[in-house]
Amino acid sequence: MVILNENSQKLKLDYPCSWEYKLVIQAHHDIGPIVKEVLQQREHSIQKSQQSKGGKYTSYSLSVLVHCDDDRKALFEILKSHQSIKFVL
């Protein structure tokens, strides 16, 4: 799999590899149960990133081992479709 970075240089991903998703949720939601629901028993790490200026939203960095391009894309779609997650990057 080849991905272009911001300088249009090609990056090659060798699977399996760790992939980071940025998640934005409303601040009153607890990220733990949301991620557990999506990833179930899959090993991951999550770290709080930032809170919006008005305090309404909180962003998190979610790192998870992905096994192939389809796995990475499927996780993105599952996260994106979760009712408590506002944005996934």
C-alpha atoms as a PDB file:
ATOM      1  CA  MET A   1       0.000   0.000   0.000  1.00  0.00           C
ATOM      2  CA  VAL A   2       1.318   3.432  -0.905  1.00  0.00           C
ATOM      3  CA  ILE A   3       0.070   6.662   0.685  1.00  0.00           C
ATOM      4  CA  LEU A   4       1.072  10.201  -0.236  1.00  0.00           C
ATOM      5  CA  ASN A   5       2.107  12.476   2.607  1.00  0.00           C
ATOM      6  CA  GLU A   6       1.740  16.290   2.707  1.00  0.00           C
ATOM      7  CA  ASN A   7       4.858  16.668   0.532  1.00  0.00           C
ATOM      8  CA  SER A   8       3.458  14.232  -2.066  1.00  0.00           C
ATOM      9  CA  GLN A   9       6.172  11.744  -1.190  1.00  0.00           C
ATOM     10  CA  LYS A  10       5.122   8.117  -1.306  1.00  0.00           C
ATOM     11  CA  LEU A  11       5.038   6.177   1.937  1.00  0.00           C
ATOM     12  CA  LYS A  12       4.958   2.408   1.869  1.00  0.00           C
ATOM     13  CA  LEU A  13       3.071   0.587   4.593  1.00  0.00           C
ATOM     14  CA  ASP A  14       4.323  -2.826   5.602  1.00  0.00           C
ATOM     15  CA  TYR A  15       1.551  -4.782   7.297  1.00  0.00           C
ATOM     16  CA  PRO A  16       0.930  -5.538  10.045  1.00  0.00           C
ATOM     17  CA  CYS A  17       1.632  -2.064  11.417  1.00  0.00           C
ATOM     18  CA  SER A  18       0.379   0.331  14.047  1.00  0.00           C
ATOM     19  CA  TRP A  19      -2.109   2.872  12.696  1.00  0.00           C
ATOM     20  CA  GLU A  20      -3.383   5.985  14.436  1.00  0.00           C
ATOM     21  CA  TYR A  21      -6.901   7.325  14.125  1.00  0.00           C
ATOM     22  CA  LYS A  22      -7.939  10.719  15.488  1.00  0.00           C
ATOM     23  CA  LEU A  23     -11.385  10.559  17.078  1.00  0.00           C
ATOM     24  CA  VAL A  24     -13.549  13.535  18.034  1.00  0.00           C
ATOM     25  CA  ILE A  25     -16.428  12.963  20.430  1.00  0.00           C
ATOM     26  CA  GLN A  26     -18.692  15.151  22.539  1.00  0.00           C
ATOM     27  CA  ALA A  27     -16.930  15.903  25.822  1.00  0.00           C
ATOM     28  CA  HIS A  28     -19.661  14.350  27.980  1.00  0.00           C
ATOM     29  CA  HIS A  29     -19.151  10.894  26.390  1.00  0.00           C
ATOM     30  CA  ASP A  30     -16.713   8.367  27.887  1.00  0.00           C
ATOM     31  CA  ILE A  31     -14.290   7.183  25.190  1.00  0.00           C
ATOM     32  CA  GLY A  32     -13.524   3.860  26.922  1.00  0.00           C
ATOM     33  CA  PRO A  33     -16.829   2.073  26.285  1.00  0.00           C
ATOM     34  CA  ILE A  34     -17.034   3.501  22.760  1.00  0.00           C
ATOM     35  CA  VAL A  35     -13.649   2.093  21.743  1.00  0.00           C
ATOM     36  CA  LYS A  36     -14.292  -1.205  23.534  1.00  0.00           C
ATOM     37  CA  GLU A  37     -17.570  -1.590  21.636  1.00  0.00           C
ATOM     38  CA  VAL A  38     -15.828  -1.072  18.302  1.00  0.00           C
ATOM     39  CA  LEU A  39     -12.553  -2.918  18.923  1.00  0.00           C
ATOM     40  CA  GLN A  40     -13.881  -5.512  21.389  1.00  0.00           C
ATOM     41  CA  GLN A  41     -10.842  -7.552  22.540  1.00  0.00           C
ATOM     42  CA  ARG A  42      -8.428  -6.006  20.036  1.00  0.00           C
ATOM     43  CA  GLU A  43      -5.337  -4.512  21.658  1.00  0.00           C
ATOM     44  CA  HIS A  44      -5.117  -0.729  21.366  1.00  0.00           C
ATOM     45  CA  SER A  45      -3.976   2.431  23.106  1.00  0.00           C
ATOM     46  CA  ILE A  46      -5.918   5.648  23.445  1.00  0.00           C
ATOM     47  CA  GLN A  47      -4.682   9.039  24.528  1.00  0.00           C
ATOM     48  CA  LYS A  48      -6.549  12.297  25.006  1.00  0.00           C
ATOM     49  CA  SER A  49      -5.352  14.945  22.552  1.00  0.00           C
ATOM     50  CA  GLN A  50      -7.247  18.202  22.880  1.00  0.00           C
ATOM     51  CA  GLN A  51     -10.500  19.761  23.956  1.00  0.00           C
ATOM     52  CA  SER A  52     -12.368  22.282  21.830  1.00  0.00           C
ATOM     53  CA  LYS A  53     -12.213  25.918  22.848  1.00  0.00           C
ATOM     54  CA  GLY A  54     -15.799  25.847  24.076  1.00  0.00           C
ATOM     55  CA  GLY A  55     -15.308  22.497  25.810  1.00  0.00           C
ATOM     56  CA  LYS A  56     -18.006  20.752  23.781  1.00  0.00           C
ATOM     57  CA  TYR A  57     -15.716  18.230  22.028  1.00  0.00           C
ATOM     58  CA  THR A  58     -12.675  16.178  22.992  1.00  0.00           C
ATOM     59  CA  SER A  59     -10.241  14.558  20.570  1.00  0.00           C
ATOM     60  CA  TYR A  60      -8.297  11.351  21.135  1.00  0.00           C
ATOM     61  CA  SER A  61      -5.510   9.469  19.389  1.00  0.00           C
ATOM     62  CA  LEU A  62      -6.344   5.798  18.966  1.00  0.00           C
ATOM     63  CA  SER A  63      -3.490   3.464  18.001  1.00  0.00           C
ATOM     64  CA  VAL A  64      -4.270  -0.056  16.874  1.00  0.00           C
ATOM     65  CA  LEU A  65      -2.441  -2.809  15.017  1.00  0.00           C
ATOM     66  CA  VAL A  66      -3.872  -3.221  11.521  1.00  0.00           C
ATOM     67  CA  HIS A  67      -3.182  -6.343   9.502  1.00  0.00           C
ATOM     68  CA  CYS A  68      -3.856  -5.164   5.971  1.00  0.00           C
ATOM     69  CA  ASP A  69      -5.247  -2.277   3.954  1.00  0.00           C
ATOM     70  CA  ASP A  70      -8.792  -3.679   4.127  1.00  0.00           C
ATOM     71  CA  ASP A  71      -8.537  -3.997   7.915  1.00  0.00           C
ATOM     72  CA  ARG A  72      -7.374  -0.369   8.245  1.00  0.00           C
ATOM     73  CA  LYS A  73     -10.191   0.913   6.023  1.00  0.00           C
ATOM     74  CA  ALA A  74     -12.840  -1.244   7.716  1.00  0.00           C
ATOM     75  CA  LEU A  75     -11.884   0.092  11.152  1.00  0.00           C
ATOM     76  CA  PHE A  76     -12.106   3.637   9.806  1.00  0.00           C
ATOM     77  CA  GLU A  77     -15.621   2.998   8.469  1.00  0.00           C
ATOM     78  CA  ILE A  78     -16.783   1.330  11.700  1.00  0.00           C
ATOM     79  CA  LEU A  79     -15.426   4.195  13.798  1.00  0.00           C
ATOM     80  CA  LYS A  80     -16.910   6.786  11.443  1.00  0.00           C
ATOM     81  CA  SER A  81     -20.360   5.195  11.621  1.00  0.00           C
ATOM     82  CA  HIS A  82     -20.489   5.004  15.448  1.00  0.00           C
ATOM     83  CA  GLN A  83     -23.240   7.285  16.771  1.00  0.00           C
ATOM     84  CA  SER A  84     -21.051   8.795  19.535  1.00  0.00           C
ATOM     85  CA  ILE A  85     -18.076   9.637  17.300  1.00  0.00           C
ATOM     86  CA  LYS A  86     -18.424  12.954  15.482  1.00  0.00           C
ATOM     87  CA  PHE A  87     -15.273  12.795  13.309  1.00  0.00           C
ATOM     88  CA  VAL A  88     -12.538  10.332  12.439  1.00  0.00           C
ATOM     89  CA  LEU A  89      -9.288  11.396  10.794  1.00  0.00           C
END
